[in-house]
Amino acid sequence: MFKPAQGLLLLLMFLLVACMPNKEQRDIYVVPQCIASQSQCQINIAQARYDILFNVKSVTPEQPFSIIVKSKSLDGNVLISGYLEGKEMYMGKIPLFFEKDEAGNFVAPTMLGSCAEKEMIWRMWLIISDEKHPSKTQPVFIDFTSYRH
């Protein structure tokens, strides 16, 4: 016979297993990298080189991902902002909120909406500014593709 404590323990274990993300969802994140559909992986602004990376192999609508801006010249004076917009189809502007991580990189978690097309080209606008040299601020863009499954 089951005791009430055993039944509660079984129910609790079932609920914990049922709430775990599926393996497919856990495996979409990778070490930050340049993705194949990116128009450029590095940008140069004011004599500094910035790597623009993603934490996924490819971008899928309605799946969260992060954009990482990495540079050896990042310091406390650099500010990064930006937004995403559809290149050929208006999907509104998706703001990017960059925060510095423990490694000193700027990271913006985000997600894209889905549209009727299987593939959609997105334009990421980045504004990288240095508080010491505000006149050197210039917006740059990088195009990349999202793939709906």
C-alpha atoms as a PDB file:
ATOM      1  CA  MET A   1       0.000   0.000   0.000  1.00  0.00           C
ATOM      2  CA  PHE A   2       1.054   3.532  -0.716  1.00  0.00           C
ATOM      3  CA  LYS A   3       1.466   5.860   2.176  1.00  0.00           C
ATOM      4  CA  PRO A   4       0.415   9.498   1.665  1.00  0.00           C
ATOM      5  CA  ALA A   5       4.065  10.618   1.850  1.00  0.00           C
ATOM      6  CA  GLN A   6       5.045   8.199  -0.942  1.00  0.00           C
ATOM      7  CA  GLY A   7       2.190   9.398  -3.138  1.00  0.00           C
ATOM      8  CA  LEU A   8       3.163  13.016  -2.574  1.00  0.00           C
ATOM      9  CA  LEU A   9       6.796  12.203  -3.409  1.00  0.00           C
ATOM     10  CA  LEU A  10       5.785  10.479  -6.662  1.00  0.00           C
ATOM     11  CA  LEU A  11       3.563  13.397  -7.636  1.00  0.00           C
ATOM     12  CA  LEU A  12       6.342  15.866  -6.898  1.00  0.00           C
ATOM     13  CA  MET A  13       8.858  13.872  -8.983  1.00  0.00           C
ATOM     14  CA  PHE A  14       6.388  13.681 -11.891  1.00  0.00           C
ATOM     15  CA  LEU A  15       5.815  17.435 -11.800  1.00  0.00           C
ATOM     16  CA  LEU A  16       9.559  18.169 -11.743  1.00  0.00           C
ATOM     17  CA  VAL A  17      10.251  15.933 -14.740  1.00  0.00           C
ATOM     18  CA  ALA A  18       7.277  17.367 -16.654  1.00  0.00           C
ATOM     19  CA  CYS A  19       8.554  20.930 -16.155  1.00  0.00           C
ATOM     20  CA  MET A  20      12.065  20.320 -17.482  1.00  0.00           C
ATOM     21  CA  PRO A  21      12.772  21.899 -20.894  1.00  0.00           C
ATOM     22  CA  ASN A  22      12.891  19.344 -23.658  1.00  0.00           C
ATOM     23  CA  LYS A  23      16.293  18.269 -24.998  1.00  0.00           C
ATOM     24  CA  GLU A  24      15.725  20.024 -28.335  1.00  0.00           C
ATOM     25  CA  GLN A  25      15.192  23.372 -26.609  1.00  0.00           C
ATOM     26  CA  ARG A  26      18.225  22.957 -24.312  1.00  0.00           C
ATOM     27  CA  ASP A  27      20.555  22.180 -27.236  1.00  0.00           C
ATOM     28  CA  ILE A  28      19.892  25.346 -29.263  1.00  0.00           C
ATOM     29  CA  TYR A  29      22.362  27.473 -27.290  1.00  0.00           C
ATOM     30  CA  VAL A  30      26.026  27.409 -28.251  1.00  0.00           C
ATOM     31  CA  VAL A  31      29.264  29.218 -27.440  1.00  0.00           C
ATOM     32  CA  PRO A  32      28.838  32.745 -28.887  1.00  0.00           C
ATOM     33  CA  GLN A  33      29.695  32.706 -32.573  1.00  0.00           C
ATOM     34  CA  CYS A  34      29.188  34.451 -35.868  1.00  0.00           C
ATOM     35  CA  ILE A  35      26.205  32.847 -37.639  1.00  0.00           C
ATOM     36  CA  ALA A  36      26.309  31.813 -41.311  1.00  0.00           C
ATOM     37  CA  SER A  37      23.666  34.323 -42.447  1.00  0.00           C
ATOM     38  CA  GLN A  38      25.375  37.357 -40.872  1.00  0.00           C
ATOM     39  CA  SER A  39      26.445  40.079 -43.340  1.00  0.00           C
ATOM     40  CA  GLN A  40      29.532  40.817 -41.236  1.00  0.00           C
ATOM     41  CA  CYS A  41      31.002  39.474 -38.001  1.00  0.00           C
ATOM     42  CA  GLN A  42      33.248  42.383 -37.076  1.00  0.00           C
ATOM     43  CA  ILE A  43      32.779  46.113 -37.227  1.00  0.00           C
ATOM     44  CA  ASN A  44      35.392  48.819 -36.791  1.00  0.00           C
ATOM     45  CA  ILE A  45      34.487  52.060 -35.052  1.00  0.00           C
ATOM     46  CA  ALA A  46      36.941  54.704 -33.866  1.00  0.00           C
ATOM     47  CA  GLN A  47      39.966  52.433 -34.272  1.00  0.00           C
ATOM     48  CA  ALA A  48      38.366  49.645 -32.232  1.00  0.00           C
ATOM     49  CA  ARG A  49      37.209  46.265 -33.538  1.00  0.00           C
ATOM     50  CA  TYR A  50      33.982  44.736 -32.231  1.00  0.00           C
ATOM     51  CA  ASP A  51      32.865  41.123 -32.746  1.00  0.00           C
ATOM     52  CA  ILE A  52      29.109  40.699 -33.136  1.00  0.00           C
ATOM     53  CA  LEU A  53      28.136  37.196 -32.018  1.00  0.00           C
ATOM     54  CA  PHE A  54      25.034  35.094 -31.359  1.00  0.00           C
ATOM     55  CA  ASN A  55      24.516  32.323 -28.791  1.00  0.00           C
ATOM     56  CA  VAL A  56      22.652  30.156 -31.353  1.00  0.00           C
ATOM     57  CA  LYS A  57      23.730  28.489 -34.623  1.00  0.00           C
ATOM     58  CA  SER A  58      20.764  29.993 -36.454  1.00  0.00           C
ATOM     59  CA  VAL A  59      17.990  32.369 -35.439  1.00  0.00           C
ATOM     60  CA  THR A  60      14.470  30.988 -35.183  1.00  0.00           C
ATOM     61  CA  PRO A  61      11.432  33.253 -34.661  1.00  0.00           C
ATOM     62  CA  GLU A  62       9.756  33.036 -31.266  1.00  0.00           C
ATOM     63  CA  GLN A  63      12.860  31.401 -29.729  1.00  0.00           C
ATOM     64  CA  PRO A  64      14.934  33.542 -27.322  1.00  0.00           C
ATOM     65  CA  PHE A  65      18.573  34.208 -28.184  1.00  0.00           C
ATOM     66  CA  SER A  66      21.274  36.694 -27.231  1.00  0.00           C
ATOM     67  CA  ILE A  67      23.426  39.094 -29.206  1.00  0.00           C
ATOM     68  CA  ILE A  68      26.915  39.543 -27.806  1.00  0.00           C
ATOM     69  CA  VAL A  69      29.228  42.468 -28.584  1.00  0.00           C
ATOM     70  CA  LYS A  70      32.794  41.558 -27.725  1.00  0.00           C
ATOM     71  CA  SER A  71      35.968  43.618 -27.985  1.00  0.00           C
ATOM     72  CA  LYS A  72      39.371  43.817 -26.381  1.00  0.00           C
ATOM     73  CA  SER A  73      38.914  47.586 -26.224  1.00  0.00           C
ATOM     74  CA  LEU A  74      35.627  47.590 -24.285  1.00  0.00           C
ATOM     75  CA  ASP A  75      35.923  49.704 -21.160  1.00  0.00           C
ATOM     76  CA  GLY A  76      33.673  51.568 -18.772  1.00  0.00           C
ATOM     77  CA  ASN A  77      33.237  54.453 -21.203  1.00  0.00           C
ATOM     78  CA  VAL A  78      31.578  52.480 -24.004  1.00  0.00           C
ATOM     79  CA  LEU A  79      27.802  52.533 -24.377  1.00  0.00           C
ATOM     80  CA  ILE A  80      25.970  50.220 -26.768  1.00  0.00           C
ATOM     81  CA  SER A  81      22.378  50.496 -27.877  1.00  0.00           C
ATOM     82  CA  GLY A  82      20.454  49.299 -30.877  1.00  0.00           C
ATOM     83  CA  TYR A  83      17.366  47.744 -32.353  1.00  0.00           C
ATOM     84  CA  LEU A  84      16.218  45.119 -34.855  1.00  0.00           C
ATOM     85  CA  GLU A  85      13.887  45.691 -37.793  1.00  0.00           C
ATOM     86  CA  GLY A  86      12.804  43.724 -40.838  1.00  0.00           C
ATOM     87  CA  LYS A  87      14.912  44.605 -43.867  1.00  0.00           C
ATOM     88  CA  GLU A  88      12.296  43.930 -46.551  1.00  0.00           C
ATOM     89  CA  MET A  89       9.137  43.665 -44.444  1.00  0.00           C
ATOM     90  CA  TYR A  90       8.117  46.059 -41.694  1.00  0.00           C
ATOM     91  CA  MET A  91       7.818  44.203 -38.391  1.00  0.00           C
ATOM     92  CA  GLY A  92       8.274  47.195 -36.100  1.00  0.00           C
ATOM     93  CA  LYS A  93      11.415  48.025 -34.158  1.00  0.00           C
ATOM     94  CA  ILE A  94      12.617  45.581 -31.524  1.00  0.00           C
ATOM     95  CA  PRO A  95      14.834  47.417 -29.016  1.00  0.00           C
ATOM     96  CA  LEU A  96      18.068  45.836 -27.834  1.00  0.00           C
ATOM     97  CA  PHE A  97      19.025  46.400 -24.206  1.00  0.00           C
ATOM     98  CA  PHE A  98      22.712  45.653 -23.744  1.00  0.00           C
ATOM     99  CA  GLU A  99      24.188  44.940 -20.324  1.00  0.00           C
ATOM    100  CA  LYS A 100      27.768  44.107 -19.436  1.00  0.00           C
ATOM    101  CA  ASP A 101      28.390  40.522 -18.343  1.00  0.00           C
ATOM    102  CA  GLU A 102      31.068  39.250 -15.952  1.00  0.00           C
ATOM    103  CA  ALA A 103      33.544  38.826 -18.862  1.00  0.00           C
ATOM    104  CA  GLY A 104      33.136  42.484 -19.871  1.00  0.00           C
ATOM    105  CA  ASN A 105      31.097  41.770 -23.021  1.00  0.00           C
ATOM    106  CA  PHE A 106      27.818  43.496 -23.819  1.00  0.00           C
ATOM    107  CA  VAL A 107      24.871  41.081 -24.050  1.00  0.00           C
ATOM    108  CA  ALA A 108      21.314  41.757 -25.239  1.00  0.00           C
ATOM    109  CA  PRO A 109      18.760  38.949 -24.808  1.00  0.00           C
ATOM    110  CA  THR A 110      16.000  39.199 -27.403  1.00  0.00           C
ATOM    111  CA  MET A 111      13.456  37.325 -29.518  1.00  0.00           C
ATOM    112  CA  LEU A 112      11.965  37.827 -32.983  1.00  0.00           C
ATOM    113  CA  GLY A 113       8.353  37.649 -34.045  1.00  0.00           C
ATOM    114  CA  SER A 114       7.267  35.192 -36.696  1.00  0.00           C
ATOM    115  CA  CYS A 115       5.979  36.140 -40.111  1.00  0.00           C
ATOM    116  CA  ALA A 116       4.477  34.191 -43.015  1.00  0.00           C
ATOM    117  CA  GLU A 117       7.825  33.805 -44.818  1.00  0.00           C
ATOM    118  CA  LYS A 118      10.051  30.772 -44.128  1.00  0.00           C
ATOM    119  CA  GLU A 119      13.117  33.041 -44.207  1.00  0.00           C
ATOM    120  CA  MET A 120      13.265  36.671 -43.203  1.00  0.00           C
ATOM    121  CA  ILE A 121      16.165  39.093 -43.335  1.00  0.00           C
ATOM    122  CA  TRP A 122      16.563  41.249 -40.246  1.00  0.00           C
ATOM    123  CA  ARG A 123      18.679  44.375 -39.895  1.00  0.00           C
ATOM    124  CA  MET A 124      20.400  44.959 -36.570  1.00  0.00           C
ATOM    125  CA  TRP A 125      21.297  48.603 -35.976  1.00  0.00           C
ATOM    126  CA  LEU A 126      24.012  49.170 -33.386  1.00  0.00           C
ATOM    127  CA  ILE A 127      25.112  52.484 -31.926  1.00  0.00           C
ATOM    128  CA  ILE A 128      28.452  52.128 -30.159  1.00  0.00           C
ATOM    129  CA  SER A 129      29.546  55.294 -28.470  1.00  0.00           C
ATOM    130  CA  ASP A 130      32.442  56.288 -26.268  1.00  0.00           C
ATOM    131  CA  GLU A 131      31.670  58.851 -23.578  1.00  0.00           C
ATOM    132  CA  LYS A 132      35.193  60.263 -24.027  1.00  0.00           C
ATOM    133  CA  HIS A 133      34.741  60.741 -27.801  1.00  0.00           C
ATOM    134  CA  PRO A 134      31.023  61.314 -28.523  1.00  0.00           C
ATOM    135  CA  SER A 135      31.804  62.735 -31.980  1.00  0.00           C
ATOM    136  CA  LYS A 136      33.026  59.286 -33.091  1.00  0.00           C
ATOM    137  CA  THR A 137      29.600  57.720 -32.545  1.00  0.00           C
ATOM    138  CA  GLN A 138      28.147  56.231 -35.684  1.00  0.00           C
ATOM    139  CA  PRO A 139      25.343  53.759 -36.288  1.00  0.00           C
ATOM    140  CA  VAL A 140      26.252  50.560 -38.123  1.00  0.00           C
ATOM    141  CA  PHE A 141      24.071  47.715 -39.298  1.00  0.00           C
ATOM    142  CA  ILE A 142      24.404  43.980 -39.717  1.00  0.00           C
ATOM    143  CA  ASP A 143      21.900  41.890 -41.640  1.00  0.00           C
ATOM    144  CA  PHE A 144      21.057  38.310 -40.686  1.00  0.00           C
ATOM    145  CA  THR A 145      18.372  35.783 -41.567  1.00  0.00           C
ATOM    146  CA  SER A 146      15.856  33.993 -39.347  1.00  0.00           C
ATOM    147  CA  TYR A 147      14.495  30.619 -40.400  1.00  0.00           C
ATOM    148  CA  ARG A 148      11.010  29.418 -39.478  1.00  0.00           C
ATOM    149  CA  HIS A 149      10.724  25.632 -39.123  1.00  0.00           C
END
